[in-house]
Amino acid sequence: MGKLKYKELNTKRLILRAPKPSDYEHQFNYLKNPKNFEFADYKVAETKADVEVFFKRMFKDHLETSLFWMICDKKSDKPVGTLSAWNVDYEVNSIEFGYTIYPEHRGKGYMYEVLNKTIDFCYEELGFTVFDIWTDKNNKPSLGLAIKLGFKFSGFVDEAAKNTDTTITYATYQLKK
């Protein structure tokens, strides 16, 4: 397997697409309030320039070892969250998912919908057979999502946070096809 390929993905209610300049305001509103991402190791955005840094980081290794999508409502095209497929290991044919749903859109089954579609894309079109989710051990919705998607618990991993002086204990899950 070599370079990744990127394409827009569609589900019943959502579209996964590349970010547009109009998305920056939504991402800024999300990143400026740390209560929005209590289980994610994001840097709090103080200015809109911080959002540009965020997107540049998301696209740093795009198409080499990562993919990034805005998750948007199909009718309005307004962002409801983000999804990345990253941390590629070509030797074991694995890819990891990282995701966020903006608070006002949580509890609607959006992430289940988009992850099913993205897993199919990564398997059928990119040839990945191993899928990973690492989530904070206290993030009950994300833990439940991994199980609902058929991922199996692999164990716990402690990792130093990059944006705070804390250690995150990740519950790791894996799905093999």
Protein backbone atom coordinates (compact mmCIF):
# COMPACT_ATOMS: atom_id res chain seq x y z
CA MET A 1 0.00 0.00 0.00
CA GLY A 2 1.28 3.47 -0.78
CA LYS A 3 -0.16 6.92 -0.64
CA LEU A 4 -3.68 7.39 0.56
CA LYS A 5 -6.42 8.76 -1.62
CA TYR A 6 -9.04 11.23 -0.55
CA LYS A 7 -12.62 11.53 -1.54
CA GLU A 8 -15.79 13.11 -0.31
CA LEU A 9 -18.02 10.61 1.44
CA ASN A 10 -21.81 10.72 1.82
CA THR A 11 -24.13 9.08 4.31
CA LYS A 12 -27.89 9.36 4.63
CA ARG A 13 -27.73 12.64 6.58
CA LEU A 14 -24.14 13.82 6.30
CA ILE A 15 -21.35 14.68 3.94
CA LEU A 16 -17.65 14.29 4.75
CA ARG A 17 -15.65 16.83 2.81
CA ALA A 18 -12.55 19.00 2.87
CA PRO A 19 -12.73 22.14 5.02
CA LYS A 20 -13.88 25.39 3.45
CA PRO A 21 -13.02 28.88 4.73
CA SER A 22 -16.61 29.19 5.99
CA ASP A 23 -15.93 26.25 8.36
CA TYR A 24 -13.27 28.13 10.29
CA GLU A 25 -15.81 30.05 12.38
CA HIS A 26 -17.49 26.80 13.47
CA GLN A 27 -14.15 25.24 14.39
CA PHE A 28 -13.11 28.39 16.25
CA ASN A 29 -16.33 28.36 18.29
CA TYR A 30 -15.60 24.74 19.18
CA LEU A 31 -11.91 25.16 20.04
CA LYS A 32 -12.23 28.39 22.04
CA ASN A 33 -14.12 26.61 24.84
CA PRO A 34 -12.19 23.76 26.52
CA LYS A 35 -15.47 22.43 27.97
CA ASN A 36 -16.34 21.39 24.41
CA PHE A 37 -13.47 18.90 24.27
CA GLU A 38 -12.90 17.67 27.81
CA PHE A 39 -11.68 14.29 26.49
CA ALA A 40 -9.51 15.54 23.63
CA ASP A 41 -6.01 16.96 23.75
CA TYR A 42 -6.63 20.10 21.70
CA LYS A 43 -5.04 23.49 22.17
CA VAL A 44 -7.59 26.12 23.18
CA ALA A 45 -8.03 28.60 20.34
CA GLU A 46 -7.60 32.20 21.40
CA THR A 47 -7.75 33.69 17.91
CA LYS A 48 -8.95 32.60 14.51
CA ALA A 49 -5.29 32.23 13.55
CA ASP A 50 -5.17 29.32 16.02
CA VAL A 51 -7.80 27.58 13.90
CA GLU A 52 -5.59 27.98 10.83
CA VAL A 53 -2.78 26.31 12.82
CA PHE A 54 -5.19 23.49 13.74
CA PHE A 55 -6.13 22.86 10.10
CA LYS A 56 -2.49 23.04 8.98
CA ARG A 57 -1.64 20.40 11.58
CA MET A 58 -4.52 18.21 10.39
CA PHE A 59 -3.23 18.44 6.82
CA LYS A 60 0.49 18.14 7.63
CA ASP A 61 0.66 14.49 6.56
CA HIS A 62 -2.53 14.45 4.50
CA LEU A 63 -2.49 11.70 1.87
CA GLU A 64 0.71 10.21 3.30
CA THR A 65 -0.37 8.93 6.71
CA SER A 66 -3.64 10.76 7.38
CA LEU A 67 -6.95 11.92 5.98
CA PHE A 68 -9.17 14.67 7.38
CA TRP A 69 -12.81 15.55 6.79
CA MET A 70 -15.30 18.08 8.02
CA ILE A 71 -18.53 16.30 8.93
CA CYS A 72 -21.39 18.43 7.59
CA ASP A 73 -25.15 18.34 7.52
CA LYS A 74 -26.19 17.32 4.02
CA LYS A 75 -29.04 19.83 3.78
CA SER A 76 -27.31 22.94 5.16
CA ASP A 77 -23.62 22.04 4.54
CA LYS A 78 -22.92 23.36 8.06
CA PRO A 79 -20.21 21.51 10.01
CA VAL A 80 -21.27 19.26 12.86
CA GLY A 81 -17.78 17.92 13.62
CA THR A 82 -14.52 16.54 12.25
CA LEU A 83 -13.08 13.13 11.47
CA SER A 84 -9.52 12.06 10.84
CA ALA A 85 -8.11 8.74 9.74
CA TRP A 86 -4.48 8.84 10.74
CA ASN A 87 -1.61 7.09 12.47
CA VAL A 88 -1.27 4.76 9.50
CA ASP A 89 0.92 1.71 9.90
CA TYR A 90 1.43 0.19 6.46
CA GLU A 91 3.25 -2.84 7.90
CA VAL A 92 0.22 -4.06 9.85
CA ASN A 93 -2.26 -2.40 7.49
CA SER A 94 -3.87 -0.30 10.23
CA ILE A 95 -5.39 3.14 10.50
CA GLU A 96 -6.72 5.00 13.54
CA PHE A 97 -9.76 7.26 13.79
CA GLY A 98 -9.99 10.52 15.68
CA TYR A 99 -13.26 12.40 15.79
CA THR A 100 -15.27 15.21 17.26
CA ILE A 101 -18.93 16.12 17.19
CA TYR A 102 -19.75 19.68 18.16
CA PRO A 103 -21.74 19.73 21.44
CA GLU A 104 -25.04 20.88 19.92
CA HIS A 105 -24.99 17.87 17.55
CA ARG A 106 -24.12 15.12 20.01
CA GLY A 107 -26.47 12.22 20.72
CA LYS A 108 -27.88 12.06 17.16
CA GLY A 109 -25.91 9.03 15.95
CA TYR A 110 -23.82 11.09 13.53
CA MET A 111 -20.49 9.56 14.46
CA TYR A 112 -21.82 6.01 14.17
CA GLU A 113 -23.10 6.90 10.70
CA VAL A 114 -19.85 8.47 9.46
CA LEU A 115 -17.52 5.91 11.00
CA ASN A 116 -19.41 3.06 9.35
CA LYS A 117 -19.00 4.82 6.00
CA THR A 118 -15.34 5.67 6.63
CA ILE A 119 -14.47 2.14 7.74
CA ASP A 120 -16.04 0.81 4.53
CA PHE A 121 -14.08 3.35 2.46
CA CYS A 122 -10.78 2.56 4.21
CA TYR A 123 -11.35 -1.18 3.81
CA GLU A 124 -12.84 -1.36 0.31
CA GLU A 125 -10.92 1.43 -1.43
CA LEU A 126 -7.72 1.80 0.58
CA GLY A 127 -7.25 -1.83 1.62
CA PHE A 128 -6.91 -1.35 5.38
CA THR A 129 -7.87 -4.35 7.50
CA VAL A 130 -7.14 -3.12 11.03
CA PHE A 131 -8.91 -0.10 12.54
CA ASP A 132 -8.07 1.56 15.85
CA ILE A 133 -9.83 3.94 18.21
CA TRP A 134 -8.05 5.41 21.21
CA THR A 135 -10.34 7.34 23.50
CA ASP A 136 -10.07 8.77 27.00
CA LYS A 137 -11.05 6.04 29.45
CA ASN A 138 -13.71 8.38 30.88
CA ASN A 139 -15.34 9.28 27.56
CA LYS A 140 -18.40 7.06 27.93
CA PRO A 141 -20.09 8.04 24.63
CA SER A 142 -16.92 7.25 22.66
CA LEU A 143 -16.37 3.98 24.54
CA GLY A 144 -19.94 2.96 23.73
CA LEU A 145 -19.50 3.98 20.09
CA ALA A 146 -16.43 1.75 19.69
CA ILE A 147 -18.32 -1.23 21.09
CA LYS A 148 -21.43 -0.50 18.99
CA LEU A 149 -19.23 -0.46 15.87
CA GLY A 150 -17.85 -3.90 16.76
CA PHE A 151 -14.42 -2.80 18.02
CA LYS A 152 -12.86 -4.99 20.71
CA PHE A 153 -11.16 -3.57 23.79
CA SER A 154 -7.35 -3.91 23.53
CA GLY A 155 -6.15 -2.33 26.77
CA PHE A 156 -5.16 0.94 28.38
CA VAL A 157 -2.29 3.19 27.35
CA ASP A 158 -1.02 6.21 29.31
CA GLU A 159 0.28 9.09 27.23
CA ALA A 160 1.46 12.57 28.16
CA ALA A 161 -0.89 15.24 26.86
CA LYS A 162 0.66 17.65 24.38
CA ASN A 163 -1.36 20.72 25.36
CA THR A 164 -1.53 20.36 29.15
CA ASP A 165 0.60 18.96 31.97
CA THR A 166 -1.59 15.89 32.38
CA THR A 167 -1.42 12.23 31.45
CA ILE A 168 -4.26 10.76 29.45
CA THR A 169 -5.25 7.16 29.97
CA TYR A 170 -6.59 5.91 26.67
CA ALA A 171 -8.87 2.93 26.34
CA THR A 172 -7.79 1.34 23.06
CA TYR A 173 -10.12 -0.55 20.74
CA GLN A 174 -9.48 -2.44 17.54
CA LEU A 175 -11.56 -3.83 14.69
CA LYS A 176 -10.13 -6.38 12.26
CA LYS A 177 -11.71 -7.18 8.91
